[in-house]
Amino acid sequence: GTLAIDRFLRPVCYQNCPDNLLPDALKNANPLGIARLVD
């Protein structure tokens, strides 16, 4: 099932990180076009 991927992932948190240093998944412009939860 689709939840099988969770076994091989770990969470990483960025706090007050400059936008240009963020991974693409977290940048303001959302260059990957992925669904994200904001607040």
All heavy atoms as atom14 arrays in JSON, in Angstrom:
{
  "sequence": "GTLAIDRFLRPVCYQNCPDNLLPDALKNANPLGIARLVD",
  "atom14_mask": [
    [1, 1, 1, 1, 0, 0, 0, 0, 0, 0, 0, 0, 0, 0],
    [1, 1, 1, 1, 1, 1, 1, 0, 0, 0, 0, 0, 0, 0],
    [1, 1, 1, 1, 1, 1, 1, 1, 0, 0, 0, 0, 0, 0],
    [1, 1, 1, 1, 1, 0, 0, 0, 0, 0, 0, 0, 0, 0],
    [1, 1, 1, 1, 1, 1, 1, 1, 0, 0, 0, 0, 0, 0],
    [1, 1, 1, 1, 1, 1, 1, 1, 0, 0, 0, 0, 0, 0],
    [1, 1, 1, 1, 1, 1, 1, 1, 1, 1, 1, 0, 0, 0],
    [1, 1, 1, 1, 1, 1, 1, 1, 1, 1, 1, 0, 0, 0],
    [1, 1, 1, 1, 1, 1, 1, 1, 0, 0, 0, 0, 0, 0],
    [1, 1, 1, 1, 1, 1, 1, 1, 1, 1, 1, 0, 0, 0],
    [1, 1, 1, 1, 1, 1, 1, 0, 0, 0, 0, 0, 0, 0],
    [1, 1, 1, 1, 1, 1, 1, 0, 0, 0, 0, 0, 0, 0],
    [1, 1, 1, 1, 1, 1, 0, 0, 0, 0, 0, 0, 0, 0],
    [1, 1, 1, 1, 1, 1, 1, 1, 1, 1, 1, 1, 0, 0],
    [1, 1, 1, 1, 1, 1, 1, 1, 1, 0, 0, 0, 0, 0],
    [1, 1, 1, 1, 1, 1, 1, 1, 0, 0, 0, 0, 0, 0],
    [1, 1, 1, 1, 1, 1, 0, 0, 0, 0, 0, 0, 0, 0],
    [1, 1, 1, 1, 1, 1, 1, 0, 0, 0, 0, 0, 0, 0],
    [1, 1, 1, 1, 1, 1, 1, 1, 0, 0, 0, 0, 0, 0],
    [1, 1, 1, 1, 1, 1, 1, 1, 0, 0, 0, 0, 0, 0],
    [1, 1, 1, 1, 1, 1, 1, 1, 0, 0, 0, 0, 0, 0],
    [1, 1, 1, 1, 1, 1, 1, 1, 0, 0, 0, 0, 0, 0],
    [1, 1, 1, 1, 1, 1, 1, 0, 0, 0, 0, 0, 0, 0],
    [1, 1, 1, 1, 1, 1, 1, 1, 0, 0, 0, 0, 0, 0],
    [1, 1, 1, 1, 1, 0, 0, 0, 0, 0, 0, 0, 0, 0],
    [1, 1, 1, 1, 1, 1, 1, 1, 0, 0, 0, 0, 0, 0],
    [1, 1, 1, 1, 1, 1, 1, 1, 1, 0, 0, 0, 0, 0],
    [1, 1, 1, 1, 1, 1, 1, 1, 0, 0, 0, 0, 0, 0],
    [1, 1, 1, 1, 1, 0, 0, 0, 0, 0, 0, 0, 0, 0],
    [1, 1, 1, 1, 1, 1, 1, 1, 0, 0, 0, 0, 0, 0],
    [1, 1, 1, 1, 1, 1, 1, 0, 0, 0, 0, 0, 0, 0],
    [1, 1, 1, 1, 1, 1, 1, 1, 0, 0, 0, 0, 0, 0],
    [1, 1, 1, 1, 0, 0, 0, 0, 0, 0, 0, 0, 0, 0],
    [1, 1, 1, 1, 1, 1, 1, 1, 0, 0, 0, 0, 0, 0],
    [1, 1, 1, 1, 1, 0, 0, 0, 0, 0, 0, 0, 0, 0],
    [1, 1, 1, 1, 1, 1, 1, 1, 1, 1, 1, 0, 0, 0],
    [1, 1, 1, 1, 1, 1, 1, 1, 0, 0, 0, 0, 0, 0],
    [1, 1, 1, 1, 1, 1, 1, 0, 0, 0, 0, 0, 0, 0],
    [1, 1, 1, 1, 1, 1, 1, 1, 0, 0, 0, 0, 0, 0]
  ],
  "atom14_positions": [
    [[0.82, -1.21, 0.0], [0.0, 0.0, 0.0], [0.85, 1.25, 0.0], [2.07, 1.21, 0.21], [0.0, 0.0, 0.0], [0.0, 0.0, 0.0], [0.0, 0.0, 0.0], [0.0, 0.0, 0.0], [0.0, 0.0, 0.0], [0.0, 0.0, 0.0], [0.0, 0.0, 0.0], [0.0, 0.0, 0.0], [0.0, 0.0, 0.0], [0.0, 0.0, 0.0]],
    [[0.21, 2.39, -0.2], [0.95, 3.64, -0.35], [1.66, 4.06, 0.93], [2.66, 4.78, 0.88], [0.02, 4.76, -0.81], [-1.1, 4.85, 0.09], [-0.52, 4.5, -2.2], [0.0, 0.0, 0.0], [0.0, 0.0, 0.0], [0.0, 0.0, 0.0], [0.0, 0.0, 0.0], [0.0, 0.0, 0.0], [0.0, 0.0, 0.0], [0.0, 0.0, 0.0]],
    [[1.19, 3.61, 2.08], [1.86, 3.96, 3.33], [3.18, 3.23, 3.53], [3.91, 3.51, 4.47], [0.94, 3.68, 4.53], [-0.27, 4.6, 4.68], [-1.11, 4.17, 5.88], [0.16, 6.05, 4.84], [0.0, 0.0, 0.0], [0.0, 0.0, 0.0], [0.0, 0.0, 0.0], [0.0, 0.0, 0.0], [0.0, 0.0, 0.0], [0.0, 0.0, 0.0]],
    [[3.5, 2.28, 2.65], [4.76, 1.54, 2.78], [5.97, 2.47, 2.69], [7.03, 2.17, 3.27], [4.84, 0.46, 1.7], [0.0, 0.0, 0.0], [0.0, 0.0, 0.0], [0.0, 0.0, 0.0], [0.0, 0.0, 0.0], [0.0, 0.0, 0.0], [0.0, 0.0, 0.0], [0.0, 0.0, 0.0], [0.0, 0.0, 0.0], [0.0, 0.0, 0.0]],
    [[5.84, 3.58, 2.0], [6.96, 4.51, 1.85], [7.37, 5.11, 3.19], [8.54, 5.47, 3.39], [6.59, 5.63, 0.84], [7.82, 6.43, 0.43], [5.49, 6.53, 1.4], [7.54, 7.46, -0.64], [0.0, 0.0, 0.0], [0.0, 0.0, 0.0], [0.0, 0.0, 0.0], [0.0, 0.0, 0.0], [0.0, 0.0, 0.0], [0.0, 0.0, 0.0]],
    [[6.42, 5.21, 4.14], [6.71, 5.85, 5.42], [7.85, 5.16, 6.17], [8.54, 5.79, 6.97], [5.47, 5.85, 6.31], [4.4, 6.8, 5.83], [4.69, 7.58, 4.91], [3.28, 6.75, 6.37], [0.0, 0.0, 0.0], [0.0, 0.0, 0.0], [0.0, 0.0, 0.0], [0.0, 0.0, 0.0], [0.0, 0.0, 0.0], [0.0, 0.0, 0.0]],
    [[8.05, 3.87, 5.93], [9.09, 3.14, 6.66], [10.48, 3.66, 6.36], [11.39, 3.53, 7.19], [9.01, 1.65, 6.33], [7.69, 0.99, 6.72], [7.61, -0.41, 6.17], [7.66, -0.41, 4.72], [7.96, -1.47, 3.97], [8.27, -2.62, 4.55], [7.97, -1.39, 2.65], [0.0, 0.0, 0.0], [0.0, 0.0, 0.0], [0.0, 0.0, 0.0]],
    [[10.67, 4.24, 5.2], [12.01, 4.61, 4.76], [12.21, 6.12, 4.67], [13.1, 6.6, 3.99], [12.3, 3.95, 3.4], [12.12, 2.45, 3.42], [11.15, 1.83, 2.66], [12.91, 1.67, 4.24], [10.98, 0.46, 2.69], [12.75, 0.3, 4.29], [11.78, -0.32, 3.52], [0.0, 0.0, 0.0], [0.0, 0.0, 0.0], [0.0, 0.0, 0.0]],
    [[11.37, 6.85, 5.4], [11.47, 8.31, 5.45], [11.65, 8.78, 6.89], [11.2, 8.12, 7.83], [10.2, 8.96, 4.89], [9.9, 8.77, 3.41], [8.48, 9.23, 3.1], [10.91, 9.55, 2.56], [0.0, 0.0, 0.0], [0.0, 0.0, 0.0], [0.0, 0.0, 0.0], [0.0, 0.0, 0.0], [0.0, 0.0, 0.0], [0.0, 0.0, 0.0]],
    [[12.3, 9.92, 7.06], [12.38, 10.54, 8.37], [12.11, 12.04, 8.22], [12.47, 12.66, 7.21], [13.74, 10.3, 9.04], [14.91, 10.96, 8.34], [16.22, 10.72, 9.1], [17.33, 11.39, 8.43], [17.68, 12.65, 8.63], [17.0, 13.4, 9.49], [18.71, 13.18, 7.99], [0.0, 0.0, 0.0], [0.0, 0.0, 0.0], [0.0, 0.0, 0.0]],
    [[11.47, 12.66, 9.22], [11.15, 14.09, 9.12], [12.35, 14.97, 9.46], [13.16, 14.64, 10.33], [10.03, 14.26, 10.14], [10.31, 13.2, 11.17], [10.9, 12.03, 10.42], [0.0, 0.0, 0.0], [0.0, 0.0, 0.0], [0.0, 0.0, 0.0], [0.0, 0.0, 0.0], [0.0, 0.0, 0.0], [0.0, 0.0, 0.0], [0.0, 0.0, 0.0]],
    [[12.46, 16.09, 8.75], [13.47, 17.1, 9.03], [12.77, 18.45, 9.09], [11.95, 18.77, 8.22], [14.57, 17.14, 7.94], [15.59, 18.24, 8.26], [15.27, 15.8, 7.84], [0.0, 0.0, 0.0], [0.0, 0.0, 0.0], [0.0, 0.0, 0.0], [0.0, 0.0, 0.0], [0.0, 0.0, 0.0], [0.0, 0.0, 0.0], [0.0, 0.0, 0.0]],
    [[13.06, 19.23, 10.13], [12.43, 20.54, 10.3], [13.47, 21.64, 10.07], [14.59, 21.57, 10.58], [11.85, 20.66, 11.71], [11.1, 22.26, 12.07], [0.0, 0.0, 0.0], [0.0, 0.0, 0.0], [0.0, 0.0, 0.0], [0.0, 0.0, 0.0], [0.0, 0.0, 0.0], [0.0, 0.0, 0.0], [0.0, 0.0, 0.0], [0.0, 0.0, 0.0]],
    [[13.08, 22.68, 9.3], [13.91, 23.87, 9.08], [13.26, 25.04, 9.8], [12.07, 25.31, 9.61], [14.02, 24.18, 7.58], [14.93, 23.24, 6.82], [14.48, 22.0, 6.39], [16.24, 23.61, 6.55], [15.31, 21.14, 5.7], [17.09, 22.76, 5.85], [16.61, 21.53, 5.43], [17.45, 20.68, 4.74], [0.0, 0.0, 0.0], [0.0, 0.0, 0.0]],
    [[14.04, 25.72, 10.64], [13.51, 26.85, 11.41], [14.21, 28.13, 11.0], [15.44, 28.24, 11.07], [13.7, 26.6, 12.91], [13.14, 27.71, 13.78], [13.08, 27.32, 15.24], [12.96, 26.14, 15.56], [13.15, 28.3, 16.13], [0.0, 0.0, 0.0], [0.0, 0.0, 0.0], [0.0, 0.0, 0.0], [0.0, 0.0, 0.0], [0.0, 0.0, 0.0]],
    [[13.42, 29.1, 10.53], [13.92, 30.41, 10.1], [15.04, 30.29, 9.07], [16.02, 31.05, 9.09], [14.42, 31.22, 11.31], [13.3, 31.58, 12.26], [12.15, 31.72, 11.85], [13.62, 31.72, 13.54], [0.0, 0.0, 0.0], [0.0, 0.0, 0.0], [0.0, 0.0, 0.0], [0.0, 0.0, 0.0], [0.0, 0.0, 0.0], [0.0, 0.0, 0.0]],
    [[14.9, 29.33, 8.18], [15.93, 29.1, 7.17], [15.72, 30.04, 5.98], [14.59, 30.22, 5.51], [15.85, 27.66, 6.7], [17.07, 27.22, 5.44], [0.0, 0.0, 0.0], [0.0, 0.0, 0.0], [0.0, 0.0, 0.0], [0.0, 0.0, 0.0], [0.0, 0.0, 0.0], [0.0, 0.0, 0.0], [0.0, 0.0, 0.0], [0.0, 0.0, 0.0]],
    [[16.78, 30.67, 5.46], [16.64, 31.5, 4.25], [16.02, 30.69, 3.1], [16.34, 29.51, 2.93], [18.07, 31.92, 3.93], [18.8, 31.82, 5.23], [18.18, 30.68, 5.96], [0.0, 0.0, 0.0], [0.0, 0.0, 0.0], [0.0, 0.0, 0.0], [0.0, 0.0, 0.0], [0.0, 0.0, 0.0], [0.0, 0.0, 0.0], [0.0, 0.0, 0.0]],
    [[15.18, 31.33, 2.33], [14.44, 30.61, 1.29], [15.37, 29.93, 0.3], [15.09, 28.81, -0.14], [13.52, 31.6, 0.55], [12.6, 30.89, -0.42], [11.63, 30.23, 0.04], [12.85, 30.95, -1.64], [0.0, 0.0, 0.0], [0.0, 0.0, 0.0], [0.0, 0.0, 0.0], [0.0, 0.0, 0.0], [0.0, 0.0, 0.0], [0.0, 0.0, 0.0]],
    [[16.48, 30.57, -0.04], [17.35, 29.97, -1.05], [18.12, 28.76, -0.54], [18.74, 28.03, -1.31], [18.33, 31.03, -1.6], [19.26, 31.56, -0.54], [18.93, 31.55, 0.64], [20.43, 32.05, -0.95], [0.0, 0.0, 0.0], [0.0, 0.0, 0.0], [0.0, 0.0, 0.0], [0.0, 0.0, 0.0], [0.0, 0.0, 0.0], [0.0, 0.0, 0.0]],
    [[18.1, 28.51, 0.76], [18.75, 27.33, 1.32], [17.78, 26.18, 1.6], [18.21, 25.07, 1.91], [19.47, 27.69, 2.63], [20.67, 28.65, 2.5], [21.26, 28.93, 3.86], [21.72, 28.07, 1.55], [0.0, 0.0, 0.0], [0.0, 0.0, 0.0], [0.0, 0.0, 0.0], [0.0, 0.0, 0.0], [0.0, 0.0, 0.0], [0.0, 0.0, 0.0]],
    [[16.49, 26.45, 1.47], [15.5, 25.42, 1.74], [15.48, 24.36, 0.63], [15.77, 24.67, -0.53], [14.1, 26.04, 1.84], [13.77, 26.85, 3.09], [12.48, 27.64, 2.88], [13.66, 25.93, 4.29], [0.0, 0.0, 0.0], [0.0, 0.0, 0.0], [0.0, 0.0, 0.0], [0.0, 0.0, 0.0], [0.0, 0.0, 0.0], [0.0, 0.0, 0.0]],
    [[15.12, 23.12, 0.95], [14.86, 22.13, -0.11], [13.71, 22.63, -1.0], [12.84, 23.39, -0.55], [14.44, 20.88, 0.66], [14.86, 21.11, 2.07], [14.87, 22.58, 2.29], [0.0, 0.0, 0.0], [0.0, 0.0, 0.0], [0.0, 0.0, 0.0], [0.0, 0.0, 0.0], [0.0, 0.0, 0.0], [0.0, 0.0, 0.0], [0.0, 0.0, 0.0]],
    [[13.7, 22.2, -2.25], [12.66, 22.66, -3.18], [11.26, 22.4, -2.64], [10.33, 23.19, -2.88], [12.82, 21.97, -4.53], [13.98, 22.53, -5.33], [14.49, 23.62, -4.97], [14.39, 21.89, -6.32], [0.0, 0.0, 0.0], [0.0, 0.0, 0.0], [0.0, 0.0, 0.0], [0.0, 0.0, 0.0], [0.0, 0.0, 0.0], [0.0, 0.0, 0.0]],
    [[11.09, 21.33, -1.89], [9.76, 21.0, -1.37], [9.25, 22.04, -0.4], [8.03, 22.14, -0.17], [9.8, 19.63, -0.69], [0.0, 0.0, 0.0], [0.0, 0.0, 0.0], [0.0, 0.0, 0.0], [0.0, 0.0, 0.0], [0.0, 0.0, 0.0], [0.0, 0.0, 0.0], [0.0, 0.0, 0.0], [0.0, 0.0, 0.0], [0.0, 0.0, 0.0]],
    [[10.15, 22.88, 0.17], [9.75, 23.84, 1.19], [9.88, 25.29, 0.76], [9.52, 26.2, 1.51], [10.58, 23.61, 2.46], [10.44, 22.24, 3.14], [11.35, 22.16, 4.36], [9.0, 21.99, 3.55], [0.0, 0.0, 0.0], [0.0, 0.0, 0.0], [0.0, 0.0, 0.0], [0.0, 0.0, 0.0], [0.0, 0.0, 0.0], [0.0, 0.0, 0.0]],
    [[10.4, 25.54, -0.43], [10.61, 26.92, -0.87], [9.28, 27.64, -1.09], [8.27, 27.02, -1.45], [11.44, 26.95, -2.15], [12.9, 26.6, -1.9], [13.72, 26.62, -3.2], [15.19, 26.32, -2.91], [15.99, 26.22, -4.15], [0.0, 0.0, 0.0], [0.0, 0.0, 0.0], [0.0, 0.0, 0.0], [0.0, 0.0, 0.0], [0.0, 0.0, 0.0]],
    [[9.3, 28.95, -0.9], [8.08, 29.74, -1.06], [7.43, 29.55, -2.42], [6.21, 29.47, -2.54], [8.39, 31.23, -0.85], [8.7, 31.55, 0.61], [8.28, 30.83, 1.51], [9.46, 32.62, 0.83], [0.0, 0.0, 0.0], [0.0, 0.0, 0.0], [0.0, 0.0, 0.0], [0.0, 0.0, 0.0], [0.0, 0.0, 0.0], [0.0, 0.0, 0.0]],
    [[8.24, 29.45, -3.48], [7.71, 29.37, -4.84], [7.13, 28.0, -5.16], [6.48, 27.82, -6.19], [8.79, 29.72, -5.85], [0.0, 0.0, 0.0], [0.0, 0.0, 0.0], [0.0, 0.0, 0.0], [0.0, 0.0, 0.0], [0.0, 0.0, 0.0], [0.0, 0.0, 0.0], [0.0, 0.0, 0.0], [0.0, 0.0, 0.0], [0.0, 0.0, 0.0]],
    [[7.37, 27.01, -4.3], [6.9, 25.64, -4.53], [7.23, 25.16, -5.95], [6.36, 24.82, -6.74], [5.38, 25.53, -4.29], [4.9, 24.09, -4.21], [5.7, 23.15, -4.14], [3.58, 23.91, -4.24], [0.0, 0.0, 0.0], [0.0, 0.0, 0.0], [0.0, 0.0, 0.0], [0.0, 0.0, 0.0], [0.0, 0.0, 0.0], [0.0, 0.0, 0.0]],
    [[8.53, 25.14, -6.29], [8.91, 24.77, -7.66], [8.5, 23.36, -8.05], [8.38, 23.07, -9.25], [10.44, 24.92, -7.65], [10.84, 24.79, -6.21], [9.72, 25.41, -5.44], [0.0, 0.0, 0.0], [0.0, 0.0, 0.0], [0.0, 0.0, 0.0], [0.0, 0.0, 0.0], [0.0, 0.0, 0.0], [0.0, 0.0, 0.0], [0.0, 0.0, 0.0]],
    [[8.27, 22.48, -7.1], [7.85, 21.12, -7.42], [6.35, 21.02, -7.68], [5.86, 19.99, -8.16], [8.24, 20.17, -6.28], [9.73, 20.09, -5.94], [9.96, 19.13, -4.78], [10.54, 19.65, -7.16], [0.0, 0.0, 0.0], [0.0, 0.0, 0.0], [0.0, 0.0, 0.0], [0.0, 0.0, 0.0], [0.0, 0.0, 0.0], [0.0, 0.0, 0.0]],
    [[5.61, 22.05, -7.32], [4.16, 22.04, -7.54], [3.44, 20.99, -6.74], [2.43, 20.43, -7.18], [0.0, 0.0, 0.0], [0.0, 0.0, 0.0], [0.0, 0.0, 0.0], [0.0, 0.0, 0.0], [0.0, 0.0, 0.0], [0.0, 0.0, 0.0], [0.0, 0.0, 0.0], [0.0, 0.0, 0.0], [0.0, 0.0, 0.0], [0.0, 0.0, 0.0]],
    [[3.93, 20.69, -5.54], [3.34, 19.63, -4.73], [2.32, 20.2, -3.75], [2.31, 21.39, -3.44], [4.43, 18.86, -3.95], [5.21, 19.81, -3.03], [5.37, 18.15, -4.9], [6.23, 19.14, -2.15], [0.0, 0.0, 0.0], [0.0, 0.0, 0.0], [0.0, 0.0, 0.0], [0.0, 0.0, 0.0], [0.0, 0.0, 0.0], [0.0, 0.0, 0.0]],
    [[1.44, 19.32, -3.27], [0.48, 19.72, -2.25], [1.2, 19.86, -0.91], [1.97, 18.99, -0.52], [-0.64, 18.69, -2.14], [0.0, 0.0, 0.0], [0.0, 0.0, 0.0], [0.0, 0.0, 0.0], [0.0, 0.0, 0.0], [0.0, 0.0, 0.0], [0.0, 0.0, 0.0], [0.0, 0.0, 0.0], [0.0, 0.0, 0.0], [0.0, 0.0, 0.0]],
    [[0.94, 21.0, -0.21], [1.6, 21.26, 1.06], [0.58, 21.78, 2.06], [-0.4, 22.43, 1.68], [2.73, 22.29, 0.89], [3.71, 21.93, -0.21], [4.94, 22.81, -0.22], [4.66, 24.2, -0.52], [5.6, 25.14, -0.69], [6.88, 24.8, -0.59], [5.27, 26.39, -0.96], [0.0, 0.0, 0.0], [0.0, 0.0, 0.0], [0.0, 0.0, 0.0]],
    [[0.81, 21.5, 3.34], [-0.02, 22.06, 4.4], [0.65, 23.31, 4.94], [1.8, 23.25, 5.42], [-0.21, 21.05, 5.53], [-1.16, 19.87, 5.27], [-1.2, 18.95, 6.48], [-2.56, 20.36, 4.94], [0.0, 0.0, 0.0], [0.0, 0.0, 0.0], [0.0, 0.0, 0.0], [0.0, 0.0, 0.0], [0.0, 0.0, 0.0], [0.0, 0.0, 0.0]],
    [[-0.03, 24.43, 4.85], [0.47, 25.69, 5.38], [-0.5, 26.14, 6.46], [-1.66, 26.45, 6.18], [0.57, 26.75, 4.27], [1.13, 28.05, 4.85], [1.45, 26.26, 3.13], [0.0, 0.0, 0.0], [0.0, 0.0, 0.0], [0.0, 0.0, 0.0], [0.0, 0.0, 0.0], [0.0, 0.0, 0.0], [0.0, 0.0, 0.0], [0.0, 0.0, 0.0]],
    [[-0.04, 26.14, 7.71], [-0.9, 26.44, 8.85], [-2.16, 25.58, 8.83], [-3.27, 26.05, 9.11], [-1.27, 27.92, 8.88], [-0.07, 28.8, 9.23], [0.83, 28.31, 9.94], [-0.03, 29.96, 8.79], [0.0, 0.0, 0.0], [0.0, 0.0, 0.0], [0.0, 0.0, 0.0], [0.0, 0.0, 0.0], [0.0, 0.0, 0.0], [0.0, 0.0, 0.0]]
  ]
}
